Every structure is written in structure tokens, then in C-alpha cells.
Protein backbone atom coordinates (compact mmCIF):
# COMPACT_ATOMS: atom_id res chain seq x y z
CA UNK A 1 0.00 0.00 0.00
CA UNK A 2 1.47 3.32 -1.04
CA UNK A 3 1.25 6.49 1.03
CA UNK A 4 -1.04 8.10 -1.58
CA UNK A 5 -3.54 5.29 -1.11
CA UNK A 6 -3.25 5.43 2.67
CA UNK A 7 -3.89 9.18 2.87
CA UNK A 8 -7.15 8.73 0.92
CA UNK A 9 -8.58 6.35 3.53
CA UNK A 10 -10.87 7.47 6.33
CA UNK A 11 -9.80 7.06 9.94
CA UNK A 12 -11.95 3.95 10.35
CA UNK A 13 -10.52 2.42 7.18
CA UNK A 14 -7.01 3.19 8.43
CA UNK A 15 -7.67 1.37 11.69
CA UNK A 16 -9.10 -1.62 9.81
CA UNK A 17 -6.12 -1.69 7.44
CA UNK A 18 -3.74 -1.49 10.41
CA UNK A 19 -5.45 -4.45 12.07
CA UNK A 20 -5.29 -6.43 8.81
CA UNK A 21 -1.59 -5.69 8.37
CA UNK A 22 -0.80 -6.71 11.94
CA UNK A 23 -2.61 -10.00 11.35
CA UNK A 24 -0.68 -10.47 8.11
CA UNK A 25 2.60 -9.87 9.97
CA UNK A 26 1.60 -12.46 12.54
CA UNK A 27 0.91 -15.02 9.81
CA UNK A 28 4.15 -14.18 8.02
CA UNK A 29 6.13 -14.82 11.21
CA UNK A 30 4.59 -18.29 11.48
CA UNK A 31 5.34 -19.02 7.84
CA UNK A 32 8.92 -17.88 8.29
CA UNK A 33 9.38 -20.02 11.40
CA UNK A 34 8.01 -23.11 9.68
CA UNK A 35 10.02 -22.56 6.51
CA UNK A 36 6.96 -22.04 4.30
CA UNK A 37 7.65 -18.41 3.47
CA UNK A 38 8.53 -18.04 -0.20
CA UNK A 39 8.74 -14.25 -0.44
CA UNK A 40 11.35 -13.27 2.14
CA UNK A 41 10.66 -9.56 1.61
CA UNK A 42 6.99 -9.87 2.60
CA UNK A 43 7.60 -9.29 6.35
CA UNK A 44 9.63 -6.18 5.55
CA UNK A 45 6.88 -4.79 3.30
CA UNK A 46 4.26 -5.54 5.96
CA UNK A 47 6.28 -3.74 8.65
CA UNK A 48 6.71 -0.71 6.43
CA UNK A 49 3.00 -0.63 5.62
CA UNK A 50 2.20 -0.75 9.34
CA UNK A 51 4.61 2.13 9.89
CA UNK A 52 2.97 4.15 7.11
CA UNK A 53 -0.49 3.55 8.55
CA UNK A 54 0.62 4.54 12.03
CA UNK A 55 2.34 7.65 10.68
CA UNK A 56 -0.79 8.87 8.89
CA UNK A 57 -2.94 8.15 11.96
CA UNK A 58 -0.52 10.13 14.15
CA UNK A 59 -0.41 13.02 11.66
CA UNK A 60 -4.20 13.23 11.75
CA UNK A 61 -4.23 13.03 15.53
CA UNK A 62 -1.73 15.88 15.81
CA UNK A 63 -3.64 17.98 13.28
CA UNK A 64 -6.86 17.50 15.26
CA UNK A 65 -5.11 18.46 18.51
CA UNK A 66 -3.63 21.53 16.85
CA UNK A 67 -7.05 22.56 15.49
CA UNK A 68 -8.60 22.15 18.95
CA UNK A 69 -5.81 24.19 20.52
CA UNK A 70 -6.18 26.97 17.95
CA UNK A 71 -9.97 26.94 18.39
CA UNK A 72 -9.57 27.18 22.15
CA UNK A 73 -7.08 30.07 21.90
CA UNK A 74 -9.23 32.04 19.47
């Protein structure tokens, strides 16, 4: 998932995608441990996608806090 695609998602969709990616990482770890993992870069891609999702969620959280602070100060 690219950052462009992630930024277009709603907050609820972001949380769902984050949960899905965490589950995928869990499954990839089991596949790696049992020697069934064919694509050795898949765990790395999953970790990076999780990081992207968390980054966008945090950006939105900070923007909302900033808007509340500015509204309160005005």
C-alpha cells in the first residue's frame, strides 16, 4: 500500500487496514518459522506498511489536537 492510497482512507478504514496488516505480519512470522515463506521480503513490506499507517494516523491526531488548541485560543 502506497502512502497516496493510505492518505485517501478514512480514519476507520485506516484502523481496519492497520489491524489487517498486523494480522498479516503475525501469519508471516509463522510461515517464516516453519520454513513455508517463499517471499522473504513480505515481512519487511508488511512492517513498512504498518509504519505508514501509524504515521498517517498520528499526523491526523496531531492535526486534530492543533485545530482544537487553535480553536480554544481564538
